[in-house]
Amino acid sequence: VRAPPFTRPLRKYCDLTGLPTNYTDPVSGLHYFDASVYQQIKAMSSAAVQKCLAMR
């Protein structure tokens, strides 16, 4: 089956909840869903952030 290339941008998902998101933490690079998840990201250690980024 031949089809043209996919032209819509890929969806981004929250690294903690898995929900669709438009937000990215500028310091860690993690995608987050809302302010409560952002607060959790701010409280995470750098090792935990690296584990989340590795799973992406």
Protein backbone atom coordinates (compact mmCIF):
# COMPACT_ATOMS: atom_id res chain seq x y z
CA VAL A 1 0.00 0.00 0.00
CA ARG A 2 1.42 3.33 -1.01
CA ALA A 3 0.38 6.52 0.70
CA PRO A 4 1.69 10.07 0.81
CA PRO A 5 3.81 11.09 3.80
CA PHE A 6 2.03 12.03 6.99
CA THR A 7 1.75 15.84 7.04
CA ARG A 8 0.10 16.54 10.40
CA PRO A 9 2.48 17.23 13.30
CA LEU A 10 2.96 14.40 15.78
CA ARG A 11 1.01 14.65 19.04
CA LYS A 12 2.94 15.27 22.23
CA TYR A 13 1.95 13.37 25.36
CA CYS A 14 2.58 14.13 29.02
CA ASP A 15 5.62 12.19 30.25
CA LEU A 16 3.94 11.48 33.60
CA THR A 17 0.23 10.98 32.80
CA GLY A 18 0.23 9.98 29.14
CA LEU A 19 -2.44 12.56 28.31
CA PRO A 20 -2.16 14.77 25.18
CA THR A 21 -0.41 18.07 25.92
CA ASN A 22 0.90 21.31 24.46
CA TYR A 23 3.23 22.24 27.34
CA THR A 24 6.96 21.57 27.75
CA ASP A 25 9.10 22.42 30.78
CA PRO A 26 11.94 24.58 29.42
CA VAL A 27 14.43 23.41 32.08
CA SER A 28 13.94 19.63 31.96
CA GLY A 29 12.41 19.22 28.50
CA LEU A 30 9.58 17.06 29.90
CA HIS A 31 6.09 17.42 28.43
CA TYR A 32 3.37 18.04 31.04
CA PHE A 33 -0.45 18.10 31.03
CA ASP A 34 -1.33 20.83 33.53
CA ALA A 35 -0.06 22.94 36.44
CA SER A 36 -0.30 20.11 38.98
CA VAL A 37 1.93 17.88 36.85
CA TYR A 38 4.31 20.81 36.35
CA GLN A 39 4.66 21.12 40.13
CA GLN A 40 5.50 17.40 40.32
CA ILE A 41 8.17 17.84 37.64
CA LYS A 42 9.69 20.76 39.56
CA ALA A 43 9.94 18.54 42.67
CA MET A 44 11.64 15.66 40.81
CA SER A 45 15.37 14.98 41.09
CA SER A 46 17.51 15.26 37.99
CA ALA A 47 17.98 11.47 37.99
CA ALA A 48 14.20 10.95 37.89
CA VAL A 49 13.90 13.47 35.05
CA GLN A 50 16.58 11.61 33.09
CA LYS A 51 14.70 8.31 33.58
CA CYS A 52 11.51 9.89 32.20
CA LEU A 53 13.37 11.28 29.20
CA ALA A 54 14.99 7.88 28.56
CA MET A 55 11.57 6.20 28.46
CA ARG A 56 10.34 8.63 25.83
